[in-house]
């Protein structure tokens, strides 16, 4: 058996992959048109619209139709790509566990639109014909061994999703369904994505390397008992760190290093021992921007429960950017030290009240969803 060649981003392909489509411009222009002139059918070489190959068209007709080559399709967001996959497969059951809460919400919307009682099962359940296995790796938000918005985009300024299939027949069906779902990318987002892909091979390896250094350093902090210090940070403030580099080989022999040949994930999560520390931590940092999403060149930090009501109120997600790793480490260090020495008596009452409110909000959502399902069955 031939040895598996390690996966590696090719900068030459990323920068020059569209050279065959380029004109005299070095940086491609942004066209905002959504429709194109139809040539005179009397002219030589005229091809009817219905006879065009929409993967390699000789001319463009409408922005929702054509896309260049390959067996991948772009979508207006990762969630629209997720919904397109559900429409395409029409699963009888979906096997999923944890991961991005947006995917779970998309499954609920699909169930509502289909008027069906689509069953959601665990990944380790016994599968049947017609089941769809929904895998997410690295897992969001913890980063254990993820949409084009994030690292393909990489600048926190576009939404996009991608589906990749094995055959031309599957591509044709998805392309047709995308046309009438209306979930294709816009001109600006397409231009921004092309711009971003030219630096993908520079951004992601650096983010990966920095995240690995920081995750392992934070893991050492988490392992330090209360009353002791590690690198100047008091122990007992962090309970756990999740990152694929910390997993190791499991009992079944799965080794994350074999799966993630291009480097470890640049997004991971930490668990504080106290929810009030998790709530305040994003605002105690200097270089990390307190915001949701991930994959941008700037480092981001998020108290996860504020966007995902199912999260542990002690959980914080970190997305590592391209800043100097030592600067990021010093920033994390000063924030942890400041929190460990601060006293939050009144603040603790506030955060407990906030968490109670979020949990009640979640319960109200579950009740409404149940009532809707009950009304449908009646």
Protein backbone atom coordinates (compact mmCIF):
# COMPACT_ATOMS: atom_id res chain seq x y z
CA UNK A 1 0.00 0.00 0.00
CA UNK A 2 1.39 3.40 -0.94
CA UNK A 3 2.20 5.75 1.91
CA UNK A 4 -0.37 8.47 2.53
CA UNK A 5 1.06 11.83 1.53
CA UNK A 6 0.70 14.43 4.30
CA UNK A 7 -1.84 17.12 3.53
CA UNK A 8 -0.38 20.56 2.96
CA UNK A 9 -1.80 23.85 1.74
CA UNK A 10 -0.15 24.84 -1.53
CA UNK A 11 0.43 28.57 -1.71
CA UNK A 12 1.11 28.49 -5.44
CA UNK A 13 -2.27 26.91 -6.14
CA UNK A 14 -4.05 29.33 -3.79
CA UNK A 15 -2.53 32.39 -5.43
CA UNK A 16 -2.46 31.29 -9.08
CA UNK A 17 -5.33 28.79 -9.23
CA UNK A 18 -7.57 31.27 -11.05
CA UNK A 19 -4.89 32.60 -13.43
CA UNK A 20 -6.64 31.04 -16.41
CA UNK A 21 -9.61 33.31 -15.78
CA UNK A 22 -7.60 36.48 -15.21
CA UNK A 23 -7.42 39.41 -17.58
CA UNK A 24 -4.87 42.20 -17.44
CA UNK A 25 -5.64 43.01 -13.79
CA UNK A 26 -3.44 41.68 -11.01
CA UNK A 27 -6.15 42.04 -8.38
CA UNK A 28 -9.50 40.92 -9.83
CA UNK A 29 -12.26 43.49 -10.09
CA UNK A 30 -15.53 43.13 -8.25
CA UNK A 31 -18.53 42.80 -10.56
CA UNK A 32 -21.87 43.49 -8.93
CA UNK A 33 -24.06 42.40 -11.84
CA UNK A 34 -26.45 39.53 -11.23
CA UNK A 35 -27.41 38.97 -14.87
CA UNK A 36 -25.60 38.99 -18.23
CA UNK A 37 -26.40 39.94 -21.81
CA UNK A 38 -27.59 37.14 -24.08
CA UNK A 39 -25.54 36.92 -27.31
CA UNK A 40 -27.23 37.12 -30.69
CA UNK A 41 -28.24 33.54 -31.57
CA UNK A 42 -27.18 34.25 -35.18
CA UNK A 43 -23.58 34.71 -34.12
CA UNK A 44 -21.11 31.93 -34.64
CA UNK A 45 -20.49 29.76 -31.60
CA UNK A 46 -23.76 30.63 -29.87
CA UNK A 47 -24.79 28.09 -27.23
CA UNK A 48 -28.31 27.83 -25.89
CA UNK A 49 -28.67 28.41 -22.18
CA UNK A 50 -29.97 24.90 -21.59
CA UNK A 51 -26.88 23.43 -23.26
CA UNK A 52 -24.32 25.28 -21.15
CA UNK A 53 -22.08 23.34 -18.78
CA UNK A 54 -22.71 25.26 -15.56
CA UNK A 55 -19.42 24.01 -14.09
CA UNK A 56 -17.34 25.30 -17.01
CA UNK A 57 -19.58 27.78 -18.84
CA UNK A 58 -18.46 29.49 -22.03
CA UNK A 59 -20.55 32.47 -20.95
CA UNK A 60 -22.48 33.58 -17.88
CA UNK A 61 -26.25 33.83 -17.79
CA UNK A 62 -27.35 34.56 -14.24
CA UNK A 63 -25.33 34.83 -11.02
CA UNK A 64 -27.29 32.07 -9.34
CA UNK A 65 -26.39 29.52 -12.03
CA UNK A 66 -22.73 29.36 -12.92
CA UNK A 67 -19.76 28.26 -10.87
CA UNK A 68 -16.30 27.33 -12.04
CA UNK A 69 -15.16 23.70 -12.18
CA UNK A 70 -14.67 21.24 -9.31
CA UNK A 71 -17.13 19.18 -7.27
CA UNK A 72 -17.63 21.82 -4.58
CA UNK A 73 -20.46 24.31 -4.24
CA UNK A 74 -20.36 27.55 -2.28
CA UNK A 75 -23.30 28.80 -0.23
CA UNK A 76 -24.26 32.06 1.45
CA UNK A 77 -23.33 30.70 4.89
CA UNK A 78 -22.28 27.55 6.65
CA UNK A 79 -25.81 27.04 7.95
CA UNK A 80 -27.31 27.38 4.47
CA UNK A 81 -24.85 24.69 3.32
CA UNK A 82 -25.97 22.54 6.26
CA UNK A 83 -29.62 22.98 5.29
CA UNK A 84 -28.83 22.15 1.65
CA UNK A 85 -27.22 18.90 2.79
CA UNK A 86 -30.38 17.94 4.70
CA UNK A 87 -32.57 18.73 1.67
CA UNK A 88 -30.24 16.67 -0.53
CA UNK A 89 -30.05 13.56 1.66
CA UNK A 90 -33.60 13.64 3.13
CA UNK A 91 -32.49 11.52 6.11
CA UNK A 92 -34.82 9.34 8.14
CA UNK A 93 -32.69 9.94 11.22
CA UNK A 94 -29.73 12.20 12.01
CA UNK A 95 -26.90 10.98 14.24
CA UNK A 96 -25.23 13.94 15.95
CA UNK A 97 -23.63 14.73 19.28
CA UNK A 98 -22.70 18.14 20.64
CA UNK A 99 -20.93 20.56 18.32
CA UNK A 100 -22.15 23.82 16.86
CA UNK A 101 -25.58 24.76 18.21
CA UNK A 102 -26.46 26.37 14.87
CA UNK A 103 -26.42 22.95 13.18
CA UNK A 104 -28.86 21.59 15.76
CA UNK A 105 -31.15 24.59 15.13
CA UNK A 106 -30.90 23.99 11.36
CA UNK A 107 -32.04 20.40 11.89
CA UNK A 108 -35.03 21.70 13.87
CA UNK A 109 -35.94 24.11 11.04
CA UNK A 110 -35.68 21.24 8.53
CA UNK A 111 -38.01 19.12 10.68
CA UNK A 112 -40.49 21.99 10.84
CA UNK A 113 -40.44 22.60 7.09
CA UNK A 114 -40.77 18.92 6.28
CA UNK A 115 -43.62 18.40 8.73
CA UNK A 116 -41.90 15.20 9.80
CA UNK A 117 -40.86 13.64 13.07
CA UNK A 118 -37.21 13.36 12.11
CA UNK A 119 -35.46 11.44 14.86
CA UNK A 120 -32.14 12.65 16.22
CA UNK A 121 -29.90 9.86 17.56
CA UNK A 122 -26.46 9.61 19.15
CA UNK A 123 -23.35 9.01 17.05
CA UNK A 124 -22.80 5.64 18.70
CA UNK A 125 -26.35 4.40 18.12
CA UNK A 126 -27.10 1.44 15.85
CA UNK A 127 -27.50 2.82 12.32
CA UNK A 128 -30.20 1.94 9.80
CA UNK A 129 -30.52 2.57 6.06
CA UNK A 130 -31.43 6.21 5.49
CA UNK A 131 -29.57 7.54 8.55
CA UNK A 132 -27.31 10.58 8.17
CA UNK A 133 -24.17 10.71 10.31
CA UNK A 134 -23.33 14.34 11.15
CA UNK A 135 -19.67 14.68 12.14
CA UNK A 136 -17.96 17.89 13.16
CA UNK A 137 -14.21 17.93 13.60
CA UNK A 138 -12.56 19.68 15.28
CA UNK A 139 -15.56 19.92 17.57
CA UNK A 140 -17.01 23.36 18.28
CA UNK A 141 -16.57 24.99 20.76
CA UNK A 142 -14.03 22.80 22.53
CA UNK A 143 -11.72 22.14 19.56
CA UNK A 144 -11.54 18.38 20.01
CA UNK A 145 -10.70 15.97 17.11
CA UNK A 146 -14.97 23.02 11.34
CA UNK A 147 -17.38 26.32 7.45
CA UNK A 148 -15.84 28.73 4.96
CA UNK A 149 -16.92 31.77 7.03
CA UNK A 150 -14.16 31.04 9.52
CA UNK A 151 -10.69 30.12 8.34
CA UNK A 152 -11.32 30.31 4.59
CA UNK A 153 -12.62 33.85 5.15
CA UNK A 154 -10.24 34.60 7.98
CA UNK A 155 -10.95 38.35 8.27
CA UNK A 156 -14.30 38.44 10.11
CA UNK A 157 -15.98 40.12 7.13
CA UNK A 158 -17.86 37.47 5.15
CA UNK A 159 -20.30 34.58 5.45
CA UNK A 160 -19.92 31.47 3.33
CA UNK A 161 -20.39 27.71 3.34
CA UNK A 162 -19.12 24.89 1.16
CA UNK A 163 -20.36 21.40 0.28
CA UNK A 164 -18.06 18.93 -1.48
CA UNK A 165 -19.41 15.82 -3.20
CA UNK A 166 -17.91 12.81 -4.95
CA UNK A 167 -19.75 12.74 -8.27
CA UNK A 168 -20.92 15.06 -11.04
CA UNK A 169 -24.47 13.77 -10.61
CA UNK A 170 -24.53 14.84 -6.96
CA UNK A 171 -23.09 18.23 -7.89
CA UNK A 172 -25.76 18.75 -10.55
CA UNK A 173 -28.57 18.01 -8.11
CA UNK A 174 -27.16 20.25 -5.38
CA UNK A 175 -26.53 23.05 -7.87
CA UNK A 176 -30.12 22.88 -9.09
CA UNK A 177 -31.48 22.85 -5.55
CA UNK A 178 -29.23 25.75 -4.55
CA UNK A 179 -30.68 27.79 -7.42
CA UNK A 180 -34.20 27.51 -6.03
CA UNK A 181 -33.26 27.64 -2.35
CA UNK A 182 -31.63 30.97 -3.22
CA UNK A 183 -28.62 30.27 -1.01
CA UNK A 184 -25.79 31.18 -3.39
CA UNK A 185 -23.06 33.63 -2.39
CA UNK A 186 -23.26 37.30 -3.30
CA UNK A 187 -20.68 39.06 -5.47
CA UNK A 188 -18.96 40.91 -2.63
CA UNK A 189 -18.69 37.81 -0.46
CA UNK A 190 -17.30 35.82 -3.37
CA UNK A 191 -14.65 38.48 -3.99
CA UNK A 192 -13.74 38.61 -0.29
CA UNK A 193 -13.44 34.83 -0.13
CA UNK A 194 -11.12 34.77 -3.15
CA UNK A 195 -8.99 37.46 -1.52
CA UNK A 196 -8.80 35.45 1.70
CA UNK A 197 -7.86 32.15 0.08
CA UNK A 198 -4.65 33.71 -1.25
CA UNK A 199 -3.27 33.91 2.31
CA UNK A 200 -4.84 30.76 3.77
CA UNK A 201 -1.51 28.90 3.76
CA UNK A 202 0.12 31.71 5.73
CA UNK A 203 -2.63 32.38 8.27
CA UNK A 204 -3.79 28.95 9.37
CA UNK A 205 -0.41 27.31 10.14
CA UNK A 206 0.57 30.30 12.28
CA UNK A 207 -2.77 30.31 14.09
CA UNK A 208 -2.48 26.57 14.64
CA UNK A 209 1.04 26.77 16.03
CA UNK A 210 0.19 29.67 18.37
CA UNK A 211 -3.00 27.99 19.59
CA UNK A 212 -1.08 24.81 20.40
CA UNK A 213 1.46 26.74 22.48
CA UNK A 214 -1.26 28.62 24.35
CA UNK A 215 -3.49 25.56 24.90
CA UNK A 216 -0.65 23.57 26.38
CA UNK A 217 0.41 26.49 28.59
CA UNK A 218 -3.18 26.96 29.82
CA UNK A 219 -3.44 23.22 30.42
CA UNK A 220 -0.46 23.47 32.76
CA UNK A 221 -2.23 26.29 34.59
CA UNK A 222 -5.38 24.14 34.87
CA UNK A 223 -3.38 21.28 36.37
CA UNK A 224 -1.90 23.52 39.06
CA UNK A 225 -3.65 23.05 42.44
CA UNK A 226 -5.10 25.99 44.35
CA UNK A 227 -2.47 27.51 46.59
CA UNK A 228 0.30 26.96 44.04
CA UNK A 229 1.33 28.93 40.96
CA UNK A 230 2.46 28.11 37.43
CA UNK A 231 4.43 30.71 35.51
CA UNK A 232 3.12 33.37 37.86
CA UNK A 233 -0.56 32.35 37.53
CA UNK A 234 -2.32 31.07 40.68
CA UNK A 235 -3.73 27.55 40.41
CA UNK A 236 -7.36 26.72 40.95
CA UNK A 237 -8.80 29.32 38.56
CA UNK A 238 -9.05 26.95 35.55
CA UNK A 239 -10.64 23.52 35.75
CA UNK A 240 -9.99 22.14 32.24
CA UNK A 241 -8.63 22.91 28.78
CA UNK A 242 -9.89 21.25 25.58
CA UNK A 243 -7.63 21.08 22.54
CA UNK A 244 -6.97 18.25 20.10
CA UNK A 245 -3.24 18.28 20.90
CA UNK A 246 -4.16 17.30 24.47
CA UNK A 247 -6.36 14.32 23.55
CA UNK A 248 -3.82 11.61 22.81
CA UNK A 249 -4.75 8.18 21.45
CA UNK A 250 -8.08 6.87 22.78
CA UNK A 251 -9.04 3.33 23.81
CA UNK A 252 -10.12 2.49 20.25
CA UNK A 253 -6.74 3.51 18.89
CA UNK A 254 -7.89 6.76 17.32
CA UNK A 255 -5.01 9.23 17.08
CA UNK A 256 -5.99 12.87 16.35
CA UNK A 257 -2.52 13.54 14.96
CA UNK A 258 -3.23 11.22 12.00
CA UNK A 259 -6.44 13.06 11.20
CA UNK A 260 -5.13 16.61 11.61
CA UNK A 261 -2.03 16.36 9.47
CA UNK A 262 -1.99 20.07 8.65
CA UNK A 263 -1.70 21.12 12.28
CA UNK A 264 -3.82 21.36 15.39
CA UNK A 265 -6.96 23.47 15.59
CA UNK A 266 -6.62 27.19 16.30
CA UNK A 267 -9.88 27.39 18.27
CA UNK A 268 -10.31 25.73 21.65
CA UNK A 269 -12.08 26.13 24.98
CA UNK A 270 -11.22 26.58 28.63
CA UNK A 271 -13.38 25.88 31.67
CA UNK A 272 -13.16 28.15 34.69
CA UNK A 273 -13.86 26.92 38.19
CA UNK A 274 -16.26 29.84 38.80
CA UNK A 275 -18.86 31.23 36.36
CA UNK A 276 -18.18 34.81 37.44
CA UNK A 277 -14.58 34.46 36.27
CA UNK A 278 -15.76 33.17 32.87
CA UNK A 279 -18.18 36.08 32.57
CA UNK A 280 -15.54 38.72 33.28
CA UNK A 281 -12.55 37.11 31.55
CA UNK A 282 -13.26 38.34 27.97
CA UNK A 283 -13.23 41.95 29.24
CA UNK A 284 -10.03 41.56 31.23
CA UNK A 285 -7.99 40.94 28.07
CA UNK A 286 -6.19 43.52 25.94
CA UNK A 287 -5.50 41.80 22.62
CA UNK A 288 -8.41 39.32 22.50
CA UNK A 289 -11.61 40.86 21.11
CA UNK A 290 -14.74 39.83 23.08
CA UNK A 291 -16.90 38.56 20.22
CA UNK A 292 -18.44 35.39 18.84
CA UNK A 293 -17.27 33.62 15.65
CA UNK A 294 -13.73 32.38 15.02
CA UNK A 295 -10.96 32.08 12.46
CA UNK A 296 -10.12 35.77 12.00
CA UNK A 297 -6.64 37.23 11.97
CA UNK A 298 -7.49 38.90 15.27
CA UNK A 299 -7.79 36.73 18.38
CA UNK A 300 -11.34 36.42 19.74
CA UNK A 301 -12.70 35.37 23.13
CA UNK A 302 -16.29 34.43 23.95
CA UNK A 303 -18.23 33.55 27.10
CA UNK A 304 -20.01 30.77 25.28
CA UNK A 305 -23.35 30.70 27.12
CA UNK A 306 -24.16 34.16 25.78
CA UNK A 307 -24.55 32.71 22.28
CA UNK A 308 -25.26 29.05 23.08
CA UNK A 309 -27.70 28.59 25.96
CA UNK A 310 -26.76 24.90 26.25
CA UNK A 311 -23.18 25.72 27.25
CA UNK A 312 -21.70 25.45 30.71
CA UNK A 313 -21.68 28.99 32.20
CA UNK A 314 -18.01 28.47 33.08
CA UNK A 315 -16.99 27.81 29.46
CA UNK A 316 -14.95 30.30 27.41
CA UNK A 317 -13.96 29.79 23.75
CA UNK A 318 -10.72 31.18 22.37
CA UNK A 319 -9.98 31.74 18.66
CA UNK A 320 -6.30 32.46 18.12
CA UNK A 321 -5.24 35.00 15.51
CA UNK A 322 -1.91 35.88 13.94
CA UNK A 323 -0.56 38.16 16.67
CA UNK A 324 2.75 37.37 18.36
CA UNK A 325 2.18 34.33 20.54
CA UNK A 326 4.21 35.72 23.45
CA UNK A 327 2.04 38.85 23.49
CA UNK A 328 -1.09 36.69 23.61
CA UNK A 329 0.35 34.58 26.42
CA UNK A 330 1.22 37.67 28.47
CA UNK A 331 -2.30 38.98 27.87
CA UNK A 332 -3.85 35.73 29.09
CA UNK A 333 -1.50 35.70 32.06
CA UNK A 334 -2.35 39.22 33.25
CA UNK A 335 -6.09 38.57 32.85
CA UNK A 336 -5.97 35.33 34.85
CA UNK A 337 -3.89 36.96 37.57
CA UNK A 338 -6.24 39.93 37.82
CA UNK A 339 -9.30 37.68 38.11
CA UNK A 340 -7.73 35.45 40.73
CA UNK A 341 -6.96 38.44 42.95
CA UNK A 342 -10.29 40.23 42.44
CA UNK A 343 -13.28 39.96 44.73
CA UNK A 344 -16.75 39.82 43.18
CA UNK A 345 -19.31 39.56 46.04
CA UNK A 346 -22.00 41.68 44.39
CA UNK A 347 -20.94 40.58 40.93
CA UNK A 348 -21.36 36.90 41.89
CA UNK A 349 -25.01 37.58 42.70
CA UNK A 350 -25.37 39.32 39.32
CA UNK A 351 -23.88 36.45 37.33
CA UNK A 352 -25.98 33.87 39.17
CA UNK A 353 -29.06 35.92 38.25
CA UNK A 354 -27.94 36.13 34.62
CA UNK A 355 -27.35 32.39 34.41
CA UNK A 356 -30.76 31.72 35.96
CA UNK A 357 -32.34 34.04 33.37
CA UNK A 358 -30.58 32.31 30.48
CA UNK A 359 -31.62 28.89 31.74
CA UNK A 360 -35.26 30.01 32.09
CA UNK A 361 -35.09 31.48 28.58
CA UNK A 362 -33.83 28.15 27.30
CA UNK A 363 -36.65 26.30 29.12
CA UNK A 364 -39.25 28.66 27.63
CA UNK A 365 -37.82 27.94 24.17
CA UNK A 366 -38.05 24.19 24.79
CA UNK A 367 -41.65 24.56 26.02
CA UNK A 368 -42.65 26.56 22.94
CA UNK A 369 -41.02 24.03 20.66
CA UNK A 370 -42.87 21.19 22.42
CA UNK A 371 -46.19 23.00 22.21
CA UNK A 372 -45.62 23.61 18.51
CA UNK A 373 -44.88 19.93 17.92
CA UNK A 374 -47.95 18.93 20.00
CA UNK A 375 -50.21 21.29 18.06
CA UNK A 376 -48.89 19.84 14.80
CA UNK A 377 -49.66 16.29 15.93
CA UNK A 378 -53.19 17.32 16.97
